[in-house]
């Protein structure tokens, strides 16, 4: 299960990184929708990391 979570986490981080780098290419502030997407991805990343940590704890406890 953690392999699938790692793959998901990598995809989310890559997409967030792409959006940030795209936003950095312009002199203007990023569009509100871009900022919202970056923030939503950050929330998703945090959620996946929390689930991955829970799964790792369960595996260590033998569940």
PDB file of N, CA and C in Angstrom:
ATOM      1  N   UNK A   1       0.818  -1.205   0.000  1.00  0.00           N
ATOM      2  CA  UNK A   1       0.000   0.000   0.000  1.00  0.00           C
ATOM      3  C   UNK A   1       0.859   1.265   0.000  1.00  0.00           C
ATOM      4  N   UNK A   2       1.948   1.226   0.725  1.00  0.00           N
ATOM      5  CA  UNK A   2       2.767   2.437   0.786  1.00  0.00           C
ATOM      6  C   UNK A   2       3.394   2.765  -0.570  1.00  0.00           C
ATOM      7  N   UNK A   3       3.635   1.752  -1.409  1.00  0.00           N
ATOM      8  CA  UNK A   3       4.161   2.037  -2.751  1.00  0.00           C
ATOM      9  C   UNK A   3       3.170   2.870  -3.555  1.00  0.00           C
ATOM     10  N   UNK A   4       1.891   2.527  -3.455  1.00  0.00           N
ATOM     11  CA  UNK A   4       0.866   3.290  -4.160  1.00  0.00           C
ATOM     12  C   UNK A   4       0.763   4.702  -3.605  1.00  0.00           C
ATOM     13  N   UNK A   5       0.883   4.822  -2.293  1.00  0.00           N
ATOM     14  CA  UNK A   5       0.844   6.150  -1.677  1.00  0.00           C
ATOM     15  C   UNK A   5       2.057   6.975  -2.103  1.00  0.00           C
ATOM     16  N   UNK A   6       3.210   6.339  -2.184  1.00  0.00           N
ATOM     17  CA  UNK A   6       4.418   7.038  -2.641  1.00  0.00           C
ATOM     18  C   UNK A   6       4.254   7.537  -4.071  1.00  0.00           C
ATOM     19  N   UNK A   7       3.676   6.697  -4.927  1.00  0.00           N
ATOM     20  CA  UNK A   7       3.452   7.109  -6.315  1.00  0.00           C
ATOM     21  C   UNK A   7       2.491   8.293  -6.391  1.00  0.00           C
ATOM     22  N   UNK A   8       1.422   8.233  -5.616  1.00  0.00           N
ATOM     23  CA  UNK A   8       0.461   9.337  -5.574  1.00  0.00           C
ATOM     24  C   UNK A   8       1.137  10.601  -5.057  1.00  0.00           C
ATOM     25  N   UNK A   9       1.890  10.469  -3.990  1.00  0.00           N
ATOM     26  CA  UNK A   9       2.584  11.615  -3.410  1.00  0.00           C
ATOM     27  C   UNK A   9       3.538  12.242  -4.425  1.00  0.00           C
ATOM     28  N   UNK A  10       4.254  11.422  -5.148  1.00  0.00           N
ATOM     29  CA  UNK A  10       5.173  11.933  -6.176  1.00  0.00           C
ATOM     30  C   UNK A  10       4.432  12.682  -7.275  1.00  0.00           C
ATOM     31  N   UNK A  11       3.275  12.148  -7.690  1.00  0.00           N
ATOM     32  CA  UNK A  11       2.487  12.836  -8.734  1.00  0.00           C
ATOM     33  C   UNK A  11       1.971  14.183  -8.241  1.00  0.00           C
ATOM     34  N   UNK A  12       1.474  14.207  -7.004  1.00  0.00           N
ATOM     35  CA  UNK A  12       0.954  15.462  -6.443  1.00  0.00           C
ATOM     36  C   UNK A  12       2.060  16.502  -6.317  1.00  0.00           C
ATOM     37  N   UNK A  13       3.209  16.091  -5.812  1.00  0.00           N
ATOM     38  CA  UNK A  13       4.325  17.024  -5.650  1.00  0.00           C
ATOM     39  C   UNK A  13       4.837  17.524  -6.998  1.00  0.00           C
ATOM     40  N   UNK A  14       4.877  16.643  -7.976  1.00  0.00           N
ATOM     41  CA  UNK A  14       5.338  17.041  -9.310  1.00  0.00           C
ATOM     42  C   UNK A  14       4.391  18.068  -9.917  1.00  0.00           C
ATOM     43  N   UNK A  15       3.105  17.840  -9.782  1.00  0.00           N
ATOM     44  CA  UNK A  15       2.121  18.792 -10.342  1.00  0.00           C
ATOM     45  C   UNK A  15       2.224  20.134  -9.633  1.00  0.00           C
ATOM     46  N   UNK A  16       2.358  20.103  -8.310  1.00  0.00           N
ATOM     47  CA  UNK A  16       2.487  21.345  -7.554  1.00  0.00           C
ATOM     48  C   UNK A  16       3.767  22.086  -7.975  1.00  0.00           C
ATOM     49  N   UNK A  17       4.838  21.354  -8.113  1.00  0.00           N
ATOM     50  CA  UNK A  17       6.109  21.956  -8.535  1.00  0.00           C
ATOM     51  C   UNK A  17       5.964  22.590  -9.915  1.00  0.00           C
ATOM     52  N   UNK A  18       5.319  21.891 -10.835  1.00  0.00           N
ATOM     53  CA  UNK A  18       5.107  22.424 -12.179  1.00  0.00           C
ATOM     54  C   UNK A  18       4.327  23.734 -12.135  1.00  0.00           C
ATOM     55  N   UNK A  19       3.279  23.775 -11.347  1.00  0.00           N
ATOM     56  CA  UNK A  19       2.469  24.996 -11.236  1.00  0.00           C
ATOM     57  C   UNK A  19       3.288  26.148 -10.661  1.00  0.00           C
ATOM     58  N   UNK A  20       4.080  25.863  -9.639  1.00  0.00           N
ATOM     59  CA  UNK A  20       4.897  26.905  -9.021  1.00  0.00           C
ATOM     60  C   UNK A  20       5.939  27.427 -10.010  1.00  0.00           C
ATOM     61  N   UNK A  21       6.584  26.518 -10.726  1.00  0.00           N
ATOM     62  CA  UNK A  21       7.590  26.950 -11.698  1.00  0.00           C
ATOM     63  C   UNK A  21       6.960  27.740 -12.850  1.00  0.00           C
ATOM     64  N   UNK A  22       5.771  27.326 -13.277  1.00  0.00           N
ATOM     65  CA  UNK A  22       5.061  28.081 -14.316  1.00  0.00           C
ATOM     66  C   UNK A  22       4.723  29.477 -13.819  1.00  0.00           C
ATOM     67  N   UNK A  23       4.269  29.582 -12.573  1.00  0.00           N
ATOM     68  CA  UNK A  23       3.916  30.881 -12.003  1.00  0.00           C
ATOM     69  C   UNK A  23       5.145  31.776 -11.870  1.00  0.00           C
ATOM     70  N   UNK A  24       6.286  31.181 -11.620  1.00  0.00           N
ATOM     71  CA  UNK A  24       7.519  31.951 -11.453  1.00  0.00           C
ATOM     72  C   UNK A  24       8.007  32.536 -12.775  1.00  0.00           C
ATOM     73  N   UNK A  25       7.546  32.015 -13.891  1.00  0.00           N
ATOM     74  CA  UNK A  25       7.991  32.483 -15.203  1.00  0.00           C
ATOM     75  C   UNK A  25       7.414  33.845 -15.569  1.00  0.00           C
ATOM     76  N   UNK A  26       6.364  34.271 -14.918  1.00  0.00           N
ATOM     77  CA  UNK A  26       5.741  35.549 -15.252  1.00  0.00           C
ATOM     78  C   UNK A  26       6.119  36.593 -14.215  1.00  0.00           C
ATOM     79  N   UNK A  27       6.059  37.848 -14.618  1.00  0.00           N
ATOM     80  CA  UNK A  27       6.358  38.949 -13.704  1.00  0.00           C
ATOM     81  C   UNK A  27       5.159  39.313 -12.838  1.00  0.00           C
ATOM     82  N   UNK A  28       3.982  38.932 -13.270  1.00  0.00           N
ATOM     83  CA  UNK A  28       2.763  39.253 -12.533  1.00  0.00           C
ATOM     84  C   UNK A  28       2.507  38.209 -11.450  1.00  0.00           C
ATOM     85  N   UNK A  29       1.614  38.551 -10.559  1.00  0.00           N
ATOM     86  CA  UNK A  29       1.186  37.568  -9.572  1.00  0.00           C
ATOM     87  C   UNK A  29       0.447  36.439 -10.280  1.00  0.00           C
ATOM     88  N   UNK A  30       0.545  35.226  -9.759  1.00  0.00           N
ATOM     89  CA  UNK A  30      -0.199  34.116 -10.378  1.00  0.00           C
ATOM     90  C   UNK A  30      -1.705  34.352 -10.263  1.00  0.00           C
ATOM     91  N   UNK A  31      -2.429  33.777 -11.186  1.00  0.00           N
ATOM     92  CA  UNK A  31      -3.888  33.864 -11.147  1.00  0.00           C
ATOM     93  C   UNK A  31      -4.404  33.226  -9.862  1.00  0.00           C
ATOM     94  N   UNK A  32      -5.532  33.729  -9.410  1.00  0.00           N
ATOM     95  CA  UNK A  32      -6.146  33.193  -8.193  1.00  0.00           C
ATOM     96  C   UNK A  32      -6.384  31.692  -8.323  1.00  0.00           C
ATOM     97  N   UNK A  33      -6.781  31.256  -9.496  1.00  0.00           N
ATOM     98  CA  UNK A  33      -7.044  29.826  -9.694  1.00  0.00           C
ATOM     99  C   UNK A  33      -5.756  29.002  -9.556  1.00  0.00           C
ATOM    100  N   UNK A  34      -4.636  29.548  -9.990  1.00  0.00           N
ATOM    101  CA  UNK A  34      -3.359  28.849  -9.848  1.00  0.00           C
ATOM    102  C   UNK A  34      -2.961  28.754  -8.387  1.00  0.00           C
ATOM    103  N   UNK A  35      -3.118  29.853  -7.670  1.00  0.00           N
ATOM    104  CA  UNK A  35      -2.807  29.851  -6.239  1.00  0.00           C
ATOM    105  C   UNK A  35      -3.695  28.840  -5.517  1.00  0.00           C
ATOM    106  N   UNK A  36      -4.969  28.802  -5.887  1.00  0.00           N
ATOM    107  CA  UNK A  36      -5.901  27.856  -5.265  1.00  0.00           C
ATOM    108  C   UNK A  36      -5.484  26.414  -5.564  1.00  0.00           C
ATOM    109  N   UNK A  37      -5.075  26.133  -6.793  1.00  0.00           N
ATOM    110  CA  UNK A  37      -4.631  24.783  -7.145  1.00  0.00           C
ATOM    111  C   UNK A  37      -3.395  24.385  -6.339  1.00  0.00           C
ATOM    112  N   UNK A  38      -2.462  25.310  -6.191  1.00  0.00           N
ATOM    113  CA  UNK A  38      -1.250  25.031  -5.423  1.00  0.00           C
ATOM    114  C   UNK A  38      -1.612  24.726  -3.973  1.00  0.00           C
ATOM    115  N   UNK A  39      -2.505  25.510  -3.405  1.00  0.00           N
ATOM    116  CA  UNK A  39      -2.927  25.296  -2.019  1.00  0.00           C
ATOM    117  C   UNK A  39      -3.682  23.979  -1.862  1.00  0.00           C
ATOM    118  N   UNK A  40      -4.540  23.666  -2.806  1.00  0.00           N
ATOM    119  CA  UNK A  40      -5.281  22.402  -2.738  1.00  0.00           C
ATOM    120  C   UNK A  40      -4.337  21.216  -2.847  1.00  0.00           C
ATOM    121  N   UNK A  41      -3.331  21.335  -3.691  1.00  0.00           N
ATOM    122  CA  UNK A  41      -2.341  20.265  -3.798  1.00  0.00           C
ATOM    123  C   UNK A  41      -1.564  20.121  -2.492  1.00  0.00           C
ATOM    124  N   UNK A  42      -1.255  21.239  -1.850  1.00  0.00           N
ATOM    125  CA  UNK A  42      -0.542  21.180  -0.566  1.00  0.00           C
ATOM    126  C   UNK A  42      -1.378  20.430   0.475  1.00  0.00           C
ATOM    127  N   UNK A  43      -2.670  20.688   0.493  1.00  0.00           N
ATOM    128  CA  UNK A  43      -3.557  19.966   1.413  1.00  0.00           C
ATOM    129  C   UNK A  43      -3.595  18.476   1.084  1.00  0.00           C
ATOM    130  N   UNK A  44      -3.655  18.161  -0.198  1.00  0.00           N
ATOM    131  CA  UNK A  44      -3.675  16.754  -0.608  1.00  0.00           C
ATOM    132  C   UNK A  44      -2.360  16.073  -0.250  1.00  0.00           C
ATOM    133  N   UNK A  45      -1.255  16.769  -0.438  1.00  0.00           N
ATOM    134  CA  UNK A  45       0.053  16.215  -0.086  1.00  0.00           C
ATOM    135  C   UNK A  45       0.118  15.921   1.404  1.00  0.00           C
ATOM    136  N   UNK A  46      -0.342  16.857   2.219  1.00  0.00           N
ATOM    137  CA  UNK A  46      -0.342  16.654   3.672  1.00  0.00           C
ATOM    138  C   UNK A  46      -1.218  15.468   4.062  1.00  0.00           C
ATOM    139  N   UNK A  47      -2.352  15.322   3.411  1.00  0.00           N
ATOM    140  CA  UNK A  47      -3.256  14.215   3.718  1.00  0.00           C
ATOM    141  C   UNK A  47      -2.625  12.872   3.346  1.00  0.00           C
ATOM    142  N   UNK A  48      -2.005  12.802   2.190  1.00  0.00           N
ATOM    143  CA  UNK A  48      -1.359  11.552   1.767  1.00  0.00           C
ATOM    144  C   UNK A  48      -0.199  11.217   2.696  1.00  0.00           C
ATOM    145  N   UNK A  49       0.572  12.224   3.088  1.00  0.00           N
ATOM    146  CA  UNK A  49       1.671  11.988   4.017  1.00  0.00           C
ATOM    147  C   UNK A  49       1.163  11.467   5.358  1.00  0.00           C
ATOM    148  N   UNK A  50       0.038  11.996   5.820  1.00  0.00           N
ATOM    149  CA  UNK A  50      -0.538  11.532   7.084  1.00  0.00           C
ATOM    150  C   UNK A  50      -0.995  10.078   6.980  1.00  0.00           C
ATOM    151  N   UNK A  51      -1.640   9.733   5.888  1.00  0.00           N
ATOM    152  CA  UNK A  51      -2.085   8.350   5.692  1.00  0.00           C
ATOM    153  C   UNK A  51      -0.881   7.427   5.576  1.00  0.00           C
ATOM    154  N   UNK A  52       0.146   7.861   4.856  1.00  0.00           N
ATOM    155  CA  UNK A  52       1.352   7.041   4.714  1.00  0.00           C
ATOM    156  C   UNK A  52       2.002   6.803   6.074  1.00  0.00           C
ATOM    157  N   UNK A  53       2.044   7.822   6.918  1.00  0.00           N
ATOM    158  CA  UNK A  53       2.614   7.670   8.256  1.00  0.00           C
ATOM    159  C   UNK A  53       1.780   6.701   9.086  1.00  0.00           C
ATOM    160  N   UNK A  54       0.461   6.794   8.989  1.00  0.00           N
ATOM    161  CA  UNK A  54      -0.421   5.862   9.698  1.00  0.00           C
ATOM    162  C   UNK A  54      -0.202   4.431   9.226  1.00  0.00           C
ATOM    163  N   UNK A  55      -0.090   4.253   7.913  1.00  0.00           N
ATOM    164  CA  UNK A  55       0.136   2.917   7.362  1.00  0.00           C
ATOM    165  C   UNK A  55       1.483   2.360   7.817  1.00  0.00           C
ATOM    166  N   UNK A  56       2.502   3.199   7.860  1.00  0.00           N
ATOM    167  CA  UNK A  56       3.825   2.759   8.313  1.00  0.00           C
ATOM    168  C   UNK A  56       3.765   2.340   9.784  1.00  0.00           C
ATOM    169  N   UNK A  57       3.022   3.103  10.590  1.00  0.00           N
ATOM    170  CA  UNK A  57       2.859   2.730  12.007  1.00  0.00           C
ATOM    171  C   UNK A  57       2.148   1.391  12.138  1.00  0.00           C
ATOM    172  N   UNK A  58       1.123   1.181  11.337  1.00  0.00           N
ATOM    173  CA  UNK A  58       0.389  -0.096  11.389  1.00  0.00           C
ATOM    174  C   UNK A  58       1.283  -1.258  10.998  1.00  0.00           C
ATOM    175  N   UNK A  59       2.108  -1.048   9.979  1.00  0.00           N
ATOM    176  CA  UNK A  59       3.014  -2.117   9.547  1.00  0.00           C
ATOM    177  C   UNK A  59       4.037  -2.446  10.643  1.00  0.00           C
ATOM    178  N   UNK A  60       4.525  -1.403  11.323  1.00  0.00           N
ATOM    179  CA  UNK A  60       5.491  -1.632  12.404  1.00  0.00           C
ATOM    180  C   UNK A  60       4.860  -2.397  13.562  1.00  0.00           C
ATOM    181  N   UNK A  61       3.560  -2.140  13.797  1.00  0.00           N
ATOM    182  CA  UNK A  61       2.874  -2.828  14.883  1.00  0.00           C
ATOM    183  C   UNK A  61       2.385  -4.206  14.474  1.00  0.00           C
ATOM    184  N   UNK A  62       2.545  -4.537  13.199  1.00  0.00           N
ATOM    185  CA  UNK A  62       2.165  -5.872  12.732  1.00  0.00           C
ATOM    186  C   UNK A  62       0.706  -6.021  12.369  1.00  0.00           C
ATOM    187  N   UNK A  63       0.040  -4.962  12.036  1.00  0.00           N
ATOM    188  CA  UNK A  63      -1.371  -5.038  11.658  1.00  0.00           C
ATOM    189  C   UNK A  63      -1.521  -5.189  10.188  1.00  0.00           C
TER     190      UNK A  63
END
